[in-house]
Amino acid sequence: MTVSYQEALNVILQQAEIQRETLPDPSELVALEKAVGRVASHCYEAVTHTPSFDCAATNGYAVCSALTSEARNVAPITFFVYGTQAAGDNPMTVPGVRLNGAIPCVEITTGARFPKASTNMDFDACVPFEDTIELPGKIHGCKQIQIRRPVLHNAHRRLADDDFHLEDEVLRSGMKVTSQHILALASLGVQTVAVKKIPRVGVWSTGKELESRIDIEQRRDRVPDANGPYIISALEELGIDAEFLGIIDDEEEAIKQAVTSANRSRFDILITTGGTSEGRFDNVRSAIEACGAEVLFSKIAVQPGSPTLFATIPRLPIISSCRMLSPQPSNGDQFIAFFGLPGGPVAAAACMKFFVAAYIKQWRCEPGHESLGCHLLNISPQSGTSAKSQRLSTSHSRPQESDVFKHGTIAINGSTAWAVPSPEQNDSKIKSFLKSSCWMHLPAGPSTKSNGDVVRCYSIQEGDNIIEKIIFGHERKDETKSASEG
């Protein structure tokens, strides 16, 4: 039975939630610097005020601002430098005694605490070095400086408690951790972050004609495995450290043994490419069913990628060479999600994007793929018709029974974004795909999409913000053009 794209997607998203909820412990602690890109599983609030003390906001001299109120160019105030207060030092105590009429001040570095005075003089401000004039000679071995204008109270002074306050929200559960969060959490003394676990993913390629490393000149009867490296790299873009489990022969028994072995290795998701159609050597379905899999669908009304299979496999207990004295936790309803992707490289790439990546995002409680609405611009290389004529075309359309994924590029014309499909859409040809920057989703419906119709476009690379990439890229082109014209 063939399911629609939306039906398949609904099944996948539902199973992702179920699998996540059946994990015995869906979160883990990671070092703060390793948390970027992960999804927080707990909320974080400030447990103290920051900073915890007043400190200098720049390098300069700590002074009592009240004693500079009469400073003028014609009547500067002279200070002698009593000492140096560095960041990390305990605040020094300065006698309020003047030397030859000069007032005490303290050289202070950025982040240092302000010194204290033994009298009622208050070191309440910092004067940057460049706003002072150093005088020749010293008073009792102390450097002299002059200030020629009044210094404001609390000038260049970072006050305690003026940043984070108690119970300020820093990071919400379900948010993706960014470098900005790391900065904030580190400033609050946080060293580890509770994040949602990342699914452990294993990947195979199937087909006895495949080899991972071959000398093409010597082995023309073999084909380099392109799908395995691509799937692994796409998963890495998603933040998944996946493991390539090798190339499996087309035989059912070989596939069955590989799946059983991976099941005992605590993978959460298993992915194969190839062997999912209905040919004589397409044995992936029968092999996983022999492992107890429940196939939820094996054909989708999409192009490319129709023979995409999705199943759940009951998780097997871990076999250990040691006897456990404490009882093992029950696997309960835990399962492995199994994706059987088509063998065509471009078809596998499309299904990786729209099905596997969607599952992982749902598993990690992340929002779905960002997209940009663009006007479709079909340009037929055979017709020689201009782009302008193509945009004005209103040719009749026929019903479209499948959702279609096309790769291509996005062009900005004025304020309008145009989606331009690659001229050659073939699930086995990679050259045209190489030059593409986006996927276009043309939903099934009463008619095919015509020129000018709006379609949703998605970045091919995971982690890219397509809206930011396209718009900022267009702005940079405009700036370059303006600069060259100027």
Protein backbone atom coordinates (compact mmCIF):
# COMPACT_ATOMS: atom_id res chain seq x y z
CA MET A 1 0.00 0.00 0.00
CA THR A 2 1.30 3.43 -0.96
CA VAL A 3 0.98 6.22 1.62
CA SER A 4 1.02 9.92 0.92
CA TYR A 5 3.92 12.16 1.91
CA GLN A 6 1.91 13.69 4.74
CA GLU A 7 0.75 10.29 6.01
CA ALA A 8 4.33 9.02 6.03
CA LEU A 9 5.57 12.15 7.80
CA ASN A 10 2.84 11.86 10.45
CA VAL A 11 3.82 8.26 11.17
CA ILE A 12 7.49 9.18 11.45
CA LEU A 13 6.90 12.12 13.80
CA GLN A 14 4.59 10.09 16.01
CA GLN A 15 7.10 7.25 16.32
CA ALA A 16 9.88 9.72 17.14
CA GLU A 17 7.86 10.99 20.09
CA ILE A 18 7.07 7.47 21.25
CA GLN A 19 10.69 6.37 21.06
CA ARG A 20 11.86 9.45 22.94
CA GLU A 21 9.30 8.92 25.70
CA THR A 22 10.26 5.26 26.20
CA LEU A 23 13.90 6.05 26.90
CA PRO A 24 14.77 5.19 30.53
CA ASP A 25 16.62 8.49 30.88
CA PRO A 26 16.11 10.90 27.98
CA SER A 27 18.72 13.41 29.19
CA GLU A 28 22.41 13.47 29.99
CA LEU A 29 24.95 15.86 31.47
CA VAL A 30 27.64 17.23 29.17
CA ALA A 31 30.49 19.65 29.73
CA LEU A 32 29.44 23.25 29.13
CA GLU A 33 31.73 23.70 26.12
CA LYS A 34 30.30 20.53 24.53
CA ALA A 35 26.67 21.65 24.80
CA VAL A 36 26.52 23.89 21.70
CA GLY A 37 23.93 22.60 19.25
CA ARG A 38 22.36 20.27 21.81
CA VAL A 39 18.81 20.69 23.12
CA ALA A 40 18.45 21.63 26.80
CA SER A 41 16.41 19.19 28.86
CA HIS A 42 16.18 21.48 31.90
CA CYS A 43 15.54 25.16 32.55
CA TYR A 44 18.40 27.28 33.84
CA GLU A 45 17.96 30.42 35.93
CA ALA A 46 20.47 32.72 37.56
CA VAL A 47 21.03 31.62 41.16
CA THR A 48 22.91 34.79 42.06
CA HIS A 49 23.31 38.39 40.99
CA THR A 50 26.18 39.25 38.66
CA PRO A 51 28.64 40.72 38.92
CA SER A 52 28.98 40.05 42.64
CA PHE A 53 31.07 43.17 43.22
CA ASP A 54 31.72 46.59 41.68
CA CYS A 55 34.64 46.57 39.27
CA ALA A 56 36.41 48.74 36.75
CA ALA A 57 34.99 48.72 33.22
CA THR A 58 38.30 49.85 31.67
CA ASN A 59 41.97 50.28 32.48
CA GLY A 60 42.73 53.57 34.20
CA TYR A 61 42.87 55.17 37.63
CA ALA A 62 40.43 54.71 40.50
CA VAL A 63 39.60 58.13 41.94
CA CYS A 64 37.15 59.88 44.23
CA SER A 65 34.91 61.72 41.75
CA ALA A 66 33.89 64.37 44.30
CA LEU A 67 37.48 65.58 44.48
CA THR A 68 37.53 66.28 40.71
CA SER A 69 34.53 68.60 40.61
CA GLU A 70 36.73 71.72 40.28
CA ALA A 71 39.06 70.26 37.64
CA ARG A 72 39.60 72.50 34.62
CA ASN A 73 42.19 72.88 31.89
CA VAL A 74 43.45 75.99 33.59
CA ALA A 75 43.20 74.42 37.03
CA PRO A 76 43.95 70.71 36.85
CA ILE A 77 43.77 68.42 39.90
CA THR A 78 46.96 66.53 40.71
CA PHE A 79 46.93 62.92 41.98
CA PHE A 80 49.70 60.57 43.04
CA VAL A 81 49.42 56.86 42.20
CA TYR A 82 49.43 54.99 45.50
CA GLY A 83 49.57 51.50 43.94
CA THR A 84 48.03 49.10 41.44
CA GLN A 85 44.79 47.14 41.81
CA ALA A 86 44.67 44.16 39.43
CA ALA A 87 41.76 41.92 38.55
CA GLY A 88 41.57 39.05 41.02
CA ASP A 89 43.29 40.99 43.83
CA ASN A 90 41.59 41.72 47.11
CA PRO A 91 40.79 45.43 47.35
CA MET A 92 43.66 47.39 48.88
CA THR A 93 43.15 50.00 51.57
CA VAL A 94 44.51 53.44 50.72
CA PRO A 95 45.36 56.09 53.34
CA GLY A 96 43.59 59.35 52.67
CA VAL A 97 46.79 61.33 53.18
CA ARG A 98 47.83 63.90 50.56
CA LEU A 99 51.43 64.27 49.45
CA ASN A 100 52.47 67.83 48.63
CA GLY A 101 48.80 68.59 47.94
CA ALA A 102 48.40 65.64 45.55
CA ILE A 103 45.41 63.36 46.12
CA PRO A 104 45.85 59.56 46.25
CA CYS A 105 44.53 57.43 43.36
CA VAL A 106 45.11 53.83 42.34
CA GLU A 107 45.99 52.37 38.96
CA ILE A 108 43.26 49.82 38.21
CA THR A 109 42.80 47.17 35.53
CA THR A 110 39.61 46.11 33.78
CA GLY A 111 37.59 43.82 36.04
CA ALA A 112 39.45 44.76 39.21
CA ARG A 113 37.61 45.59 42.42
CA PHE A 114 37.77 49.20 43.57
CA PRO A 115 40.15 50.00 46.45
CA LYS A 116 38.99 51.14 49.85
CA ALA A 117 40.04 54.30 51.65
CA SER A 118 40.95 54.47 55.33
CA THR A 119 39.16 57.83 55.55
CA ASN A 120 35.73 58.88 54.30
CA MET A 121 37.11 59.27 50.76
CA ASP A 122 35.25 56.99 48.32
CA PHE A 123 36.92 55.49 45.25
CA ASP A 124 33.78 55.54 43.14
CA ALA A 125 34.96 56.13 39.56
CA CYS A 126 37.60 55.16 37.02
CA VAL A 127 39.40 57.56 34.71
CA PRO A 128 40.82 56.00 31.51
CA PHE A 129 44.55 56.49 31.02
CA GLU A 130 43.95 58.59 27.92
CA ASP A 131 41.92 61.14 29.91
CA THR A 132 44.86 61.91 32.20
CA ILE A 133 48.22 63.59 31.81
CA GLU A 134 51.28 61.99 33.39
CA LEU A 135 53.62 64.53 35.03
CA PRO A 136 57.40 64.30 35.08
CA GLY A 137 58.99 63.43 38.35
CA LYS A 138 57.64 61.48 41.32
CA ILE A 139 56.45 62.22 44.84
CA HIS A 140 58.07 59.85 47.35
CA GLY A 141 58.54 57.35 44.52
CA CYS A 142 54.92 57.63 43.33
CA LYS A 143 53.93 58.60 39.79
CA GLN A 144 51.88 61.81 39.38
CA ILE A 145 48.95 62.43 37.04
CA GLN A 146 46.64 65.35 36.36
CA ILE A 147 42.92 65.38 35.61
CA ARG A 148 41.61 68.45 33.76
CA ARG A 149 37.85 67.90 33.82
CA PRO A 150 35.37 66.62 36.39
CA VAL A 151 34.83 62.86 36.62
CA LEU A 152 31.25 61.69 36.97
CA HIS A 153 30.13 59.52 39.85
CA ASN A 154 30.41 55.82 38.89
CA ALA A 155 32.20 56.66 35.63
CA HIS A 156 33.61 53.52 33.97
CA ARG A 157 32.48 51.53 36.97
CA ARG A 158 30.54 48.30 36.47
CA LEU A 159 28.16 48.04 39.38
CA ALA A 160 27.41 44.87 41.25
CA ASP A 161 24.09 43.24 40.32
CA ASP A 162 23.70 45.27 37.11
CA ASP A 163 23.71 42.21 34.80
CA PHE A 164 21.91 39.02 35.84
CA HIS A 165 19.48 39.10 38.73
CA LEU A 166 18.27 36.23 40.86
CA GLU A 167 15.93 33.89 38.91
CA ASP A 168 16.55 35.57 35.54
CA GLU A 169 15.88 33.02 32.79
CA VAL A 170 19.04 31.95 30.98
CA LEU A 171 18.04 28.81 29.09
CA ARG A 172 14.66 27.15 28.62
CA SER A 173 14.08 23.44 28.34
CA GLY A 174 13.70 22.52 24.68
CA MET A 175 15.91 25.35 23.40
CA LYS A 176 18.95 24.61 21.26
CA VAL A 177 22.07 25.69 23.12
CA THR A 178 24.02 28.41 21.32
CA SER A 179 27.39 30.04 21.98
CA GLN A 180 25.47 32.94 23.54
CA HIS A 181 23.98 30.57 26.10
CA ILE A 182 27.47 29.23 26.81
CA LEU A 183 28.70 32.77 27.50
CA ALA A 184 25.83 33.46 29.90
CA LEU A 185 26.03 30.11 31.69
CA ALA A 186 29.80 30.34 32.07
CA SER A 187 29.46 33.82 33.60
CA LEU A 188 27.16 32.26 36.20
CA GLY A 189 29.61 29.50 37.03
CA VAL A 190 27.74 26.66 35.32
CA GLN A 191 30.09 23.84 34.29
CA THR A 192 27.73 21.16 32.96
CA VAL A 193 24.42 21.30 31.09
CA ALA A 194 21.58 18.78 31.07
CA VAL A 195 20.69 18.10 27.44
CA LYS A 196 18.45 15.69 25.62
CA LYS A 197 20.26 12.58 24.50
CA ILE A 198 21.29 12.36 20.88
CA PRO A 199 20.04 9.25 19.11
CA ARG A 200 22.75 6.74 18.27
CA VAL A 201 22.61 6.03 14.56
CA GLY A 202 24.08 3.20 12.49
CA VAL A 203 24.27 3.34 8.68
CA TRP A 204 24.76 0.66 6.01
CA SER A 205 24.86 0.66 2.25
CA THR A 206 23.50 -2.46 0.53
CA GLY A 207 24.59 -4.00 -2.74
CA LYS A 208 27.29 -6.49 -3.69
CA GLU A 209 28.36 -4.15 -6.50
CA LEU A 210 29.49 -1.51 -3.99
CA GLU A 211 32.92 -0.96 -2.51
CA SER A 212 34.02 1.78 -0.17
CA ARG A 213 37.54 2.17 -1.54
CA ILE A 214 38.28 1.01 -5.04
CA ASP A 215 40.66 1.67 -7.87
CA ILE A 216 38.22 2.51 -10.66
CA GLU A 217 40.72 1.58 -13.35
CA GLN A 218 41.24 -1.88 -11.88
CA ARG A 219 37.69 -2.67 -10.73
CA ARG A 220 35.25 -1.44 -13.36
CA ASP A 221 32.78 -4.10 -12.23
CA ARG A 222 32.42 -2.27 -8.90
CA VAL A 223 30.73 1.02 -7.98
CA PRO A 224 32.03 3.47 -5.33
CA ASP A 225 29.67 3.74 -2.39
CA ALA A 226 28.38 7.33 -2.45
CA ASN A 227 25.33 6.94 -0.23
CA GLY A 228 27.13 5.81 2.93
CA PRO A 229 29.50 8.81 3.14
CA TYR A 230 26.68 11.20 2.21
CA ILE A 231 24.28 9.92 4.90
CA ILE A 232 27.03 10.02 7.53
CA SER A 233 27.98 13.61 6.62
CA ALA A 234 24.33 14.75 6.54
CA LEU A 235 23.87 13.26 10.01
CA GLU A 236 26.99 15.07 11.16
CA GLU A 237 25.44 18.35 9.97
CA LEU A 238 22.52 17.48 12.25
CA GLY A 239 24.91 17.06 15.17
CA ILE A 240 24.78 13.25 15.09
CA ASP A 241 28.00 11.28 15.45
CA ALA A 242 26.78 8.35 13.38
CA GLU A 243 28.66 5.11 12.79
CA PHE A 244 29.09 3.60 9.34
CA LEU A 245 28.54 -0.12 9.74
CA GLY A 246 29.79 -1.08 6.30
CA ILE A 247 28.42 -2.44 3.04
CA ILE A 248 26.02 -5.41 3.21
CA ASP A 249 25.46 -7.95 0.49
CA ASP A 250 21.97 -8.13 -1.04
CA GLU A 251 21.31 -11.54 0.54
CA GLU A 252 18.54 -11.67 3.15
CA GLU A 253 20.62 -13.61 5.67
CA ALA A 254 23.47 -11.08 5.51
CA ILE A 255 21.06 -8.21 6.14
CA LYS A 256 19.37 -10.11 8.97
CA GLN A 257 22.69 -10.83 10.72
CA ALA A 258 23.80 -7.20 10.40
CA VAL A 259 20.53 -5.87 11.84
CA THR A 260 20.58 -8.36 14.74
CA SER A 261 24.17 -7.45 15.59
CA ALA A 262 23.37 -3.72 15.50
CA ASN A 263 20.30 -4.29 17.67
CA ARG A 264 22.52 -5.58 20.47
CA SER A 265 24.77 -2.52 20.18
CA ARG A 266 22.21 -0.03 21.53
CA PHE A 267 21.56 1.93 18.34
CA ASP A 268 18.38 4.01 18.35
CA ILE A 269 18.12 4.45 14.57
CA LEU A 270 19.33 2.22 11.76
CA ILE A 271 19.52 3.36 8.14
CA THR A 272 20.14 1.39 4.97
CA THR A 273 20.27 2.59 1.39
CA GLY A 274 19.20 0.33 -1.46
CA GLY A 275 17.33 -2.97 -1.52
CA THR A 276 13.90 -1.52 -0.66
CA SER A 277 12.12 -1.86 -4.01
CA GLU A 278 10.38 -4.99 -5.33
CA GLY A 279 13.16 -6.59 -7.36
CA ARG A 280 14.59 -10.04 -6.94
CA PHE A 281 17.49 -8.84 -4.80
CA ASP A 282 15.55 -6.26 -2.77
CA ASN A 283 15.56 -8.18 0.51
CA VAL A 284 15.64 -5.46 3.16
CA ARG A 285 11.97 -5.79 4.10
CA SER A 286 11.95 -9.58 4.43
CA ALA A 287 15.22 -9.46 6.41
CA ILE A 288 14.01 -6.99 9.01
CA GLU A 289 10.62 -8.72 9.30
CA ALA A 290 12.55 -11.87 10.17
CA CYS A 291 14.05 -9.77 13.00
CA GLY A 292 10.56 -8.99 14.32
CA ALA A 293 10.16 -5.62 12.64
CA GLU A 294 6.78 -4.00 12.15
CA VAL A 295 6.83 -2.28 8.77
CA LEU A 296 4.71 0.87 9.02
CA PHE A 297 5.04 1.74 5.34
CA SER A 298 7.22 0.63 2.44
CA LYS A 299 6.16 2.94 -0.38
CA ILE A 300 5.43 6.68 -0.44
CA ALA A 301 3.81 8.77 -3.14
CA VAL A 302 6.89 10.95 -3.59
CA GLN A 303 9.38 11.55 -6.38
CA PRO A 304 12.17 10.74 -6.03
CA GLY A 305 12.26 8.20 -3.21
CA SER A 306 9.05 6.22 -3.60
CA PRO A 307 10.48 2.88 -2.31
CA THR A 308 11.23 4.30 1.16
CA LEU A 309 10.60 1.94 4.06
CA PHE A 310 10.04 2.75 7.72
CA ALA A 311 9.74 0.16 10.48
CA THR A 312 10.18 -0.37 14.19
CA ILE A 313 12.27 -3.25 15.50
CA PRO A 314 11.88 -4.49 19.11
CA ARG A 315 15.05 -3.82 21.06
CA LEU A 316 17.00 -6.90 22.14
CA PRO A 317 18.63 -7.20 25.57
CA ILE A 318 22.34 -6.49 25.70
CA ILE A 319 24.53 -9.59 25.80
CA SER A 320 27.42 -9.23 28.24
CA SER A 321 30.34 -11.46 29.12
CA CYS A 322 29.82 -10.53 32.77
CA ARG A 323 27.00 -11.51 35.11
CA MET A 324 25.12 -8.52 36.53
CA LEU A 325 24.38 -8.72 40.24
CA SER A 326 21.69 -6.05 40.02
CA PRO A 327 18.62 -6.73 37.86
CA GLN A 328 18.70 -5.41 34.29
CA PRO A 329 16.09 -2.77 33.46
CA SER A 330 13.35 -4.08 31.23
CA ASN A 331 13.34 -2.88 27.63
CA GLY A 332 9.57 -2.53 27.87
CA ASP A 333 8.25 -0.97 24.68
CA GLN A 334 11.67 0.27 23.51
CA PHE A 335 12.36 -0.13 19.82
CA ILE A 336 14.81 0.80 17.08
CA ALA A 337 13.60 3.02 14.27
CA PHE A 338 14.57 1.57 10.89
CA PHE A 339 14.76 3.58 7.66
CA GLY A 340 15.23 1.81 4.36
CA LEU A 341 16.13 4.53 1.87
CA PRO A 342 16.27 4.08 -1.91
CA GLY A 343 19.58 3.33 -3.57
CA GLY A 344 19.63 6.23 -6.04
CA PRO A 345 22.01 8.82 -4.54
CA VAL A 346 19.78 11.85 -5.12
CA ALA A 347 16.69 9.95 -3.98
CA ALA A 348 18.53 8.88 -0.83
CA ALA A 349 19.55 12.51 -0.23
CA ALA A 350 15.94 13.72 -0.58
CA CYS A 351 14.60 11.06 1.80
CA MET A 352 17.40 11.76 4.26
CA LYS A 353 16.27 15.40 4.33
CA PHE A 354 12.51 15.02 4.43
CA PHE A 355 12.14 11.85 6.50
CA VAL A 356 15.23 10.89 8.51
CA ALA A 357 16.13 14.48 9.48
CA ALA A 358 12.48 15.16 10.34
CA TYR A 359 12.49 12.14 12.66
CA ILE A 360 15.67 13.25 14.42
CA LYS A 361 14.43 16.80 14.87
CA GLN A 362 11.19 15.53 16.42
CA TRP A 363 13.17 13.09 18.58
CA ARG A 364 15.19 16.03 19.93
CA CYS A 365 12.14 18.33 20.34
CA GLU A 366 13.48 20.73 17.74
CA PRO A 367 11.36 22.75 15.30
CA GLY A 368 11.08 21.43 11.77
CA HIS A 369 13.06 22.60 8.77
CA GLU A 370 13.02 26.32 8.02
CA SER A 371 11.75 27.13 4.57
CA LEU A 372 11.35 30.06 2.22
CA GLY A 373 8.40 30.61 -0.09
CA CYS A 374 9.64 31.21 -3.64
CA HIS A 375 7.98 31.63 -7.01
CA LEU A 376 8.61 28.63 -9.23
CA LEU A 377 10.56 29.35 -12.41
CA ASN A 378 10.76 26.38 -14.77
CA ILE A 379 13.27 26.92 -17.55
CA SER A 380 13.36 24.27 -20.24
CA PRO A 381 16.85 24.04 -21.75
CA GLN A 382 15.44 22.51 -24.92
CA SER A 383 12.93 25.23 -25.68
CA GLY A 384 15.32 28.17 -25.66
CA THR A 385 12.50 30.23 -24.19
CA SER A 386 13.59 33.25 -22.21
CA ALA A 387 13.13 33.40 -18.45
CA LYS A 388 10.71 36.31 -18.87
CA SER A 389 8.52 34.34 -21.25
CA GLN A 390 8.63 31.35 -18.94
CA ARG A 391 7.42 33.46 -16.02
CA LEU A 392 4.46 34.63 -18.06
CA SER A 393 3.57 31.11 -19.21
CA THR A 394 0.07 29.94 -18.24
CA SER A 395 0.12 26.49 -19.81
CA HIS A 396 -2.45 23.93 -18.70
CA SER A 397 -1.46 21.54 -15.93
CA ARG A 398 -2.30 17.92 -15.25
CA PRO A 399 -3.06 16.33 -11.88
CA GLN A 400 0.01 15.61 -9.73
CA GLU A 401 -0.45 12.39 -7.75
CA SER A 402 2.86 12.49 -5.86
CA ASP A 403 4.72 15.07 -3.83
CA VAL A 404 7.80 16.03 -5.82
CA PHE A 405 11.18 17.09 -4.46
CA LYS A 406 13.34 19.03 -6.91
CA HIS A 407 16.81 20.36 -6.29
CA GLY A 408 17.92 23.70 -7.66
CA THR A 409 18.85 27.24 -6.75
CA ILE A 410 17.15 30.43 -5.59
CA ALA A 411 17.50 33.71 -7.47
CA ILE A 412 16.47 37.12 -6.13
CA ASN A 413 14.96 39.57 -8.61
CA GLY A 414 14.13 42.80 -6.85
CA SER A 415 12.01 41.81 -3.87
CA THR A 416 10.94 38.47 -5.37
CA ALA A 417 12.62 35.13 -4.73
CA TRP A 418 12.51 32.66 -7.62
CA ALA A 419 13.02 28.92 -7.23
CA VAL A 420 14.92 27.61 -10.26
CA PRO A 421 14.97 23.80 -10.53
CA SER A 422 18.12 22.15 -11.85
CA PRO A 423 17.70 21.28 -15.54
CA GLU A 424 18.28 17.57 -14.91
CA GLN A 425 16.27 15.86 -12.18
CA ASN A 426 17.52 12.27 -12.06
CA ASP A 427 17.77 10.29 -8.83
CA SER A 428 21.03 8.66 -9.96
CA LYS A 429 22.86 11.69 -11.42
CA ILE A 430 24.91 13.70 -8.97
CA LYS A 431 26.53 16.39 -11.15
CA SER A 432 23.39 18.55 -11.36
CA PHE A 433 22.71 18.02 -7.65
CA LEU A 434 26.21 19.25 -6.82
CA LYS A 435 25.41 22.73 -8.13
CA SER A 436 22.14 23.00 -6.19
CA SER A 437 21.62 24.88 -2.95
CA CYS A 438 18.04 24.00 -2.07
CA TRP A 439 15.25 21.45 -2.21
CA MET A 440 11.85 22.52 -3.56
CA HIS A 441 8.75 20.73 -2.32
CA LEU A 442 5.93 20.55 -4.86
CA PRO A 443 2.94 19.03 -3.02
CA ALA A 444 0.57 16.59 -4.69
CA GLY A 445 -2.68 18.18 -5.74
CA PRO A 446 -5.29 18.73 -8.44
CA SER A 447 -2.68 20.21 -10.77
CA THR A 448 1.04 20.46 -11.18
CA LYS A 449 2.81 23.63 -10.17
CA SER A 450 3.11 26.24 -12.91
CA ASN A 451 5.52 29.08 -13.38
CA GLY A 452 4.99 31.77 -10.78
CA ASP A 453 3.33 29.47 -8.25
CA VAL A 454 4.79 29.62 -4.75
CA VAL A 455 6.71 26.57 -3.52
CA ARG A 456 8.53 25.96 -0.26
CA CYS A 457 12.32 25.80 -0.48
CA TYR A 458 14.68 24.17 2.03
CA SER A 459 18.45 24.30 2.39
CA ILE A 460 20.15 21.14 1.21
CA GLN A 461 22.72 21.40 3.98
CA GLU A 462 21.47 20.77 7.49
CA GLY A 463 22.05 23.63 9.90
CA ASP A 464 21.77 26.31 7.21
CA ASN A 465 19.19 29.03 7.69
CA ILE A 466 17.98 29.32 4.11
CA ILE A 467 16.20 32.63 4.66
CA GLU A 468 19.30 34.22 6.17
CA LYS A 469 21.59 32.62 3.60
CA ILE A 470 19.58 33.79 0.57
CA ILE A 471 18.67 37.27 1.77
CA PHE A 472 22.11 38.10 3.20
CA GLY A 473 23.78 36.65 0.13
CA HIS A 474 21.63 38.88 -2.07
CA GLU A 475 22.47 41.93 0.04
CA ARG A 476 26.19 41.18 -0.26
CA LYS A 477 25.83 40.93 -4.05
CA ASP A 478 24.04 44.30 -4.11
CA GLU A 479 26.81 45.85 -2.00
CA THR A 480 29.48 44.46 -4.33
CA LYS A 481 27.59 45.75 -7.36
CA SER A 482 27.18 49.22 -5.83
CA ALA A 483 30.86 49.33 -4.92
CA SER A 484 31.93 48.39 -8.45
CA GLU A 485 29.57 50.95 -9.99
CA GLY A 486 30.81 53.61 -7.63
